[in-house]
């Protein structure tokens, strides 16, 4: 009985979190807000898959959860690096130069 109530509450909370995250993703005033919302959406999907695995008592979704966690981690790192490079260029008033290999057509 108590497990059913806890699972129902978790499903409702995950649904509310997903809706609020999608609203932030669509409205977000900046690109970084949208990227963070996408990262949070991946975390919500991971939590939902873990909840589903707990309800049905199986481990077949574990590889999917691990891959999603890896994608979320790699995406967060790449966006953080991009924002960091962009902020350094703005702070020091540096023009970001194009890669000379792209100009040669190689």
C-alpha atoms as a PDB file:
ATOM      1  CA  UNK A   1       0.000   0.000   0.000  1.00  0.00           C
ATOM      2  CA  UNK A   2       2.631   2.533   1.008  1.00  0.00           C
ATOM      3  CA  UNK A   3       4.812   1.589  -1.966  1.00  0.00           C
ATOM      4  CA  UNK A   4       1.931   2.269  -4.342  1.00  0.00           C
ATOM      5  CA  UNK A   5       1.379   5.706  -2.829  1.00  0.00           C
ATOM      6  CA  UNK A   6       5.081   6.552  -3.018  1.00  0.00           C
ATOM      7  CA  UNK A   7       5.259   5.451  -6.653  1.00  0.00           C
ATOM      8  CA  UNK A   8       2.149   7.444  -7.556  1.00  0.00           C
ATOM      9  CA  UNK A   9       3.561  10.565  -5.904  1.00  0.00           C
ATOM     10  CA  UNK A  10       6.896  10.115  -7.682  1.00  0.00           C
ATOM     11  CA  UNK A  11       5.184   9.730 -11.065  1.00  0.00           C
ATOM     12  CA  UNK A  12       3.137  12.888 -10.483  1.00  0.00           C
ATOM     13  CA  UNK A  13       6.196  14.867  -9.350  1.00  0.00           C
ATOM     14  CA  UNK A  14       8.236  13.677 -12.335  1.00  0.00           C
ATOM     15  CA  UNK A  15       5.410  14.667 -14.667  1.00  0.00           C
ATOM     16  CA  UNK A  16       5.181  18.150 -13.134  1.00  0.00           C
ATOM     17  CA  UNK A  17       8.957  18.541 -13.344  1.00  0.00           C
ATOM     18  CA  UNK A  18       8.936  17.493 -16.997  1.00  0.00           C
ATOM     19  CA  UNK A  19       6.207  19.992 -17.882  1.00  0.00           C
ATOM     20  CA  UNK A  20       7.992  22.836 -16.066  1.00  0.00           C
ATOM     21  CA  UNK A  21      11.270  21.934 -17.755  1.00  0.00           C
ATOM     22  CA  UNK A  22       9.658  21.919 -21.192  1.00  0.00           C
ATOM     23  CA  UNK A  23       8.173  25.341 -20.468  1.00  0.00           C
ATOM     24  CA  UNK A  24      11.639  26.612 -19.513  1.00  0.00           C
ATOM     25  CA  UNK A  25      13.073  25.066 -22.659  1.00  0.00           C
ATOM     26  CA  UNK A  26      10.549  26.789 -24.877  1.00  0.00           C
ATOM     27  CA  UNK A  27      10.544  30.173 -23.130  1.00  0.00           C
ATOM     28  CA  UNK A  28      14.103  30.396 -21.809  1.00  0.00           C
ATOM     29  CA  UNK A  29      15.362  33.883 -22.568  1.00  0.00           C
ATOM     30  CA  UNK A  30      18.889  32.664 -23.319  1.00  0.00           C
ATOM     31  CA  UNK A  31      20.360  29.673 -25.057  1.00  0.00           C
ATOM     32  CA  UNK A  32      22.097  28.575 -21.871  1.00  0.00           C
ATOM     33  CA  UNK A  33      18.708  28.365 -20.117  1.00  0.00           C
ATOM     34  CA  UNK A  34      17.456  26.081 -22.858  1.00  0.00           C
ATOM     35  CA  UNK A  35      20.541  23.881 -22.668  1.00  0.00           C
ATOM     36  CA  UNK A  36      20.243  23.528 -18.899  1.00  0.00           C
ATOM     37  CA  UNK A  37      16.553  22.664 -19.321  1.00  0.00           C
ATOM     38  CA  UNK A  38      17.518  19.959 -21.820  1.00  0.00           C
ATOM     39  CA  UNK A  39      20.022  18.553 -19.317  1.00  0.00           C
ATOM     40  CA  UNK A  40      17.375  18.536 -16.590  1.00  0.00           C
ATOM     41  CA  UNK A  41      14.984  16.794 -19.006  1.00  0.00           C
ATOM     42  CA  UNK A  42      17.536  14.016 -19.466  1.00  0.00           C
ATOM     43  CA  UNK A  43      17.792  13.681 -15.676  1.00  0.00           C
ATOM     44  CA  UNK A  44      13.983  13.469 -15.426  1.00  0.00           C
ATOM     45  CA  UNK A  45      13.890  10.760 -18.102  1.00  0.00           C
ATOM     46  CA  UNK A  46      16.563   8.833 -16.190  1.00  0.00           C
ATOM     47  CA  UNK A  47      14.523   9.099 -12.994  1.00  0.00           C
ATOM     48  CA  UNK A  48      11.362   8.003 -14.815  1.00  0.00           C
ATOM     49  CA  UNK A  49      13.128   4.967 -16.301  1.00  0.00           C
ATOM     50  CA  UNK A  50      14.508   4.057 -12.886  1.00  0.00           C
ATOM     51  CA  UNK A  51      11.017   4.350 -11.408  1.00  0.00           C
ATOM     52  CA  UNK A  52       9.609   2.137 -14.152  1.00  0.00           C
ATOM     53  CA  UNK A  53      12.331  -0.438 -13.525  1.00  0.00           C
ATOM     54  CA  UNK A  54      11.519  -0.380  -9.830  1.00  0.00           C
ATOM     55  CA  UNK A  55       7.790  -0.815 -10.438  1.00  0.00           C
ATOM     56  CA  UNK A  56       8.244  -3.806 -12.761  1.00  0.00           C
ATOM     57  CA  UNK A  57      11.263  -5.189 -10.875  1.00  0.00           C
ATOM     58  CA  UNK A  58      13.605  -5.639 -13.843  1.00  0.00           C
ATOM     59  CA  UNK A  59      17.028  -4.392 -14.857  1.00  0.00           C
ATOM     60  CA  UNK A  60      16.676  -4.305 -18.634  1.00  0.00           C
ATOM     61  CA  UNK A  61      16.536  -0.489 -18.698  1.00  0.00           C
ATOM     62  CA  UNK A  62      19.835  -0.133 -16.827  1.00  0.00           C
ATOM     63  CA  UNK A  63      21.955   0.149 -20.016  1.00  0.00           C
ATOM     64  CA  UNK A  64      19.609   2.846 -21.335  1.00  0.00           C
ATOM     65  CA  UNK A  65      19.915   4.743 -18.055  1.00  0.00           C
ATOM     66  CA  UNK A  66      23.706   4.528 -18.197  1.00  0.00           C
ATOM     67  CA  UNK A  67      23.845   5.760 -21.802  1.00  0.00           C
ATOM     68  CA  UNK A  68      21.517   8.671 -21.010  1.00  0.00           C
ATOM     69  CA  UNK A  69      23.675   9.593 -18.017  1.00  0.00           C
ATOM     70  CA  UNK A  70      26.772   9.554 -20.232  1.00  0.00           C
ATOM     71  CA  UNK A  71      25.074  11.698 -22.881  1.00  0.00           C
ATOM     72  CA  UNK A  72      23.914  14.179 -20.244  1.00  0.00           C
ATOM     73  CA  UNK A  73      27.383  14.383 -18.715  1.00  0.00           C
ATOM     74  CA  UNK A  74      29.141  14.831 -22.070  1.00  0.00           C
ATOM     75  CA  UNK A  75      26.603  17.425 -23.169  1.00  0.00           C
ATOM     76  CA  UNK A  76      27.013  19.413 -19.967  1.00  0.00           C
ATOM     77  CA  UNK A  77      30.781  19.395 -20.297  1.00  0.00           C
ATOM     78  CA  UNK A  78      30.746  20.508 -23.921  1.00  0.00           C
ATOM     79  CA  UNK A  79      28.316  23.355 -23.237  1.00  0.00           C
ATOM     80  CA  UNK A  80      30.310  24.465 -20.190  1.00  0.00           C
ATOM     81  CA  UNK A  81      33.481  24.513 -22.254  1.00  0.00           C
ATOM     82  CA  UNK A  82      31.788  26.463 -25.053  1.00  0.00           C
ATOM     83  CA  UNK A  83      30.386  29.048 -22.626  1.00  0.00           C
ATOM     84  CA  UNK A  84      33.733  29.310 -20.854  1.00  0.00           C
ATOM     85  CA  UNK A  85      35.585  29.979 -24.123  1.00  0.00           C
ATOM     86  CA  UNK A  86      32.955  32.491 -25.179  1.00  0.00           C
ATOM     87  CA  UNK A  87      33.133  34.300 -21.823  1.00  0.00           C
ATOM     88  CA  UNK A  88      36.937  34.497 -21.998  1.00  0.00           C
ATOM     89  CA  UNK A  89      36.730  36.014 -25.457  1.00  0.00           C
ATOM     90  CA  UNK A  90      34.197  38.599 -24.303  1.00  0.00           C
ATOM     91  CA  UNK A  91      36.090  39.396 -21.091  1.00  0.00           C
ATOM     92  CA  UNK A  92      39.396  40.025 -22.830  1.00  0.00           C
ATOM     93  CA  UNK A  93      37.812  41.462 -25.988  1.00  0.00           C
ATOM     94  CA  UNK A  94      39.468  38.830 -28.150  1.00  0.00           C
ATOM     95  CA  UNK A  95      38.304  37.979 -31.639  1.00  0.00           C
ATOM     96  CA  UNK A  96      37.899  34.239 -32.072  1.00  0.00           C
ATOM     97  CA  UNK A  97      39.746  33.284 -35.224  1.00  0.00           C
ATOM     98  CA  UNK A  98      38.610  30.643 -37.666  1.00  0.00           C
ATOM     99  CA  UNK A  99      40.614  27.469 -38.077  1.00  0.00           C
ATOM    100  CA  UNK A 100      43.071  27.988 -40.996  1.00  0.00           C
ATOM    101  CA  UNK A 101      42.457  24.403 -42.144  1.00  0.00           C
ATOM    102  CA  UNK A 102      38.825  25.289 -42.876  1.00  0.00           C
ATOM    103  CA  UNK A 103      39.882  28.135 -45.178  1.00  0.00           C
ATOM    104  CA  UNK A 104      42.196  25.878 -47.198  1.00  0.00           C
ATOM    105  CA  UNK A 105      39.351  23.479 -47.912  1.00  0.00           C
ATOM    106  CA  UNK A 106      41.123  20.444 -46.462  1.00  0.00           C
END
